[in-house]
């Protein structure tokens, strides 16, 4: 009887766990960028519940490929964005929020 109870408990826990993972709600889905090649290389959640994104863009009048940094609010709307001319072949691999609320690339 004890073995059956343990098996039943494990099955119930597994079903509950799978339900949370398999049926998690999509909060939002959006597309960002312009009419040319754009690529996000780092996305991090920020202290305010939004996201900071860094990557590359060839849109927006960019040179070969510019570094593109933009901030999203918790609903996925762009709060601000900035491009930095990059013509040396260096790139951006990550971005992090600093303790003072700024960002380091």
Protein backbone atom coordinates (compact mmCIF):
# COMPACT_ATOMS: atom_id res chain seq x y z
CA UNK A 1 0.00 0.00 0.00
CA UNK A 2 2.85 2.38 0.86
CA UNK A 3 4.53 1.78 -2.54
CA UNK A 4 1.29 2.58 -4.36
CA UNK A 5 0.84 5.79 -2.36
CA UNK A 6 4.39 6.93 -3.14
CA UNK A 7 3.98 6.13 -6.85
CA UNK A 8 0.66 7.96 -6.95
CA UNK A 9 2.19 10.99 -5.22
CA UNK A 10 5.09 11.05 -7.70
CA UNK A 11 2.69 10.84 -10.65
CA UNK A 12 0.59 13.72 -9.31
CA UNK A 13 3.71 15.85 -8.75
CA UNK A 14 5.02 15.09 -12.24
CA UNK A 15 1.69 16.02 -13.84
CA UNK A 16 1.60 19.28 -11.91
CA UNK A 17 5.20 20.08 -12.86
CA UNK A 18 4.60 19.31 -16.54
CA UNK A 19 1.43 21.38 -16.58
CA UNK A 20 3.33 24.43 -15.33
CA UNK A 21 6.06 24.01 -17.93
CA UNK A 22 3.96 22.86 -20.88
CA UNK A 23 1.21 25.43 -20.52
CA UNK A 24 3.07 28.52 -19.37
CA UNK A 25 1.44 31.65 -20.73
CA UNK A 26 3.17 33.78 -23.32
CA UNK A 27 3.49 37.28 -21.90
CA UNK A 28 4.23 38.99 -25.21
CA UNK A 29 5.89 38.42 -28.55
CA UNK A 30 7.34 41.22 -30.68
CA UNK A 31 9.74 41.77 -33.55
CA UNK A 32 12.42 44.44 -33.38
CA UNK A 33 14.70 45.93 -35.98
CA UNK A 34 14.55 47.54 -39.36
CA UNK A 35 14.61 46.42 -42.96
CA UNK A 36 18.16 45.02 -42.97
CA UNK A 37 20.09 42.47 -40.90
CA UNK A 38 19.66 42.87 -37.12
CA UNK A 39 20.86 40.45 -34.43
CA UNK A 40 20.52 40.41 -30.64
CA UNK A 41 23.57 38.85 -28.96
CA UNK A 42 22.62 39.52 -25.32
CA UNK A 43 19.29 39.96 -23.54
CA UNK A 44 19.15 40.49 -19.77
CA UNK A 45 16.26 41.24 -17.44
CA UNK A 46 16.64 44.58 -15.67
CA UNK A 47 15.84 45.64 -12.11
CA UNK A 48 12.58 47.29 -13.23
CA UNK A 49 11.25 44.07 -14.80
CA UNK A 50 12.09 45.12 -18.35
CA UNK A 51 14.96 43.99 -20.55
CA UNK A 52 18.17 45.42 -21.94
CA UNK A 53 19.22 44.13 -25.36
CA UNK A 54 22.54 44.47 -27.17
CA UNK A 55 23.50 43.30 -30.62
CA UNK A 56 24.14 44.45 -34.17
CA UNK A 57 22.19 46.31 -36.80
CA UNK A 58 22.61 47.12 -40.46
CA UNK A 59 19.32 49.02 -40.44
CA UNK A 60 18.80 52.63 -39.38
CA UNK A 61 21.48 54.02 -41.72
CA UNK A 62 24.16 51.82 -40.19
CA UNK A 63 27.64 51.33 -41.56
CA UNK A 64 28.86 47.76 -42.10
CA UNK A 65 27.29 46.78 -38.78
CA UNK A 66 26.64 49.07 -35.85
CA UNK A 67 26.28 48.09 -32.22
CA UNK A 68 22.63 48.40 -31.24
CA UNK A 69 21.50 48.75 -27.61
CA UNK A 70 17.87 49.13 -26.65
CA UNK A 71 15.78 49.02 -23.47
CA UNK A 72 12.40 47.31 -23.30
CA UNK A 73 9.75 47.86 -20.65
CA UNK A 74 8.02 44.87 -19.05
CA UNK A 75 5.48 44.80 -21.91
CA UNK A 76 8.16 44.63 -24.59
CA UNK A 77 7.86 48.23 -25.77
CA UNK A 78 11.09 50.03 -26.67
CA UNK A 79 11.81 52.69 -24.02
CA UNK A 80 14.98 53.93 -25.73
CA UNK A 81 17.57 52.78 -28.23
CA UNK A 82 21.04 53.81 -29.33
CA UNK A 83 23.37 52.74 -32.13
CA UNK A 84 27.14 53.03 -31.99
CA UNK A 85 29.20 53.06 -35.17
CA UNK A 86 31.39 49.97 -35.31
CA UNK A 87 33.72 49.56 -38.25
CA UNK A 88 36.67 47.73 -36.72
CA UNK A 89 35.20 44.25 -36.62
CA UNK A 90 34.90 44.25 -32.83
CA UNK A 91 31.57 43.25 -31.47
CA UNK A 92 29.30 43.12 -28.48
CA UNK A 93 28.88 39.77 -26.77
CA UNK A 94 27.04 40.75 -23.60
CA UNK A 95 25.40 43.57 -21.67
CA UNK A 96 24.74 43.83 -17.93
CA UNK A 97 22.98 46.31 -15.68
CA UNK A 98 25.29 47.92 -13.14
CA UNK A 99 24.41 48.52 -9.48
CA UNK A 100 23.88 52.24 -10.15
CA UNK A 101 21.24 51.50 -12.82
CA UNK A 102 23.53 52.00 -15.82
CA UNK A 103 24.67 49.39 -18.32
CA UNK A 104 28.03 47.94 -19.29
CA UNK A 105 28.61 46.37 -22.70
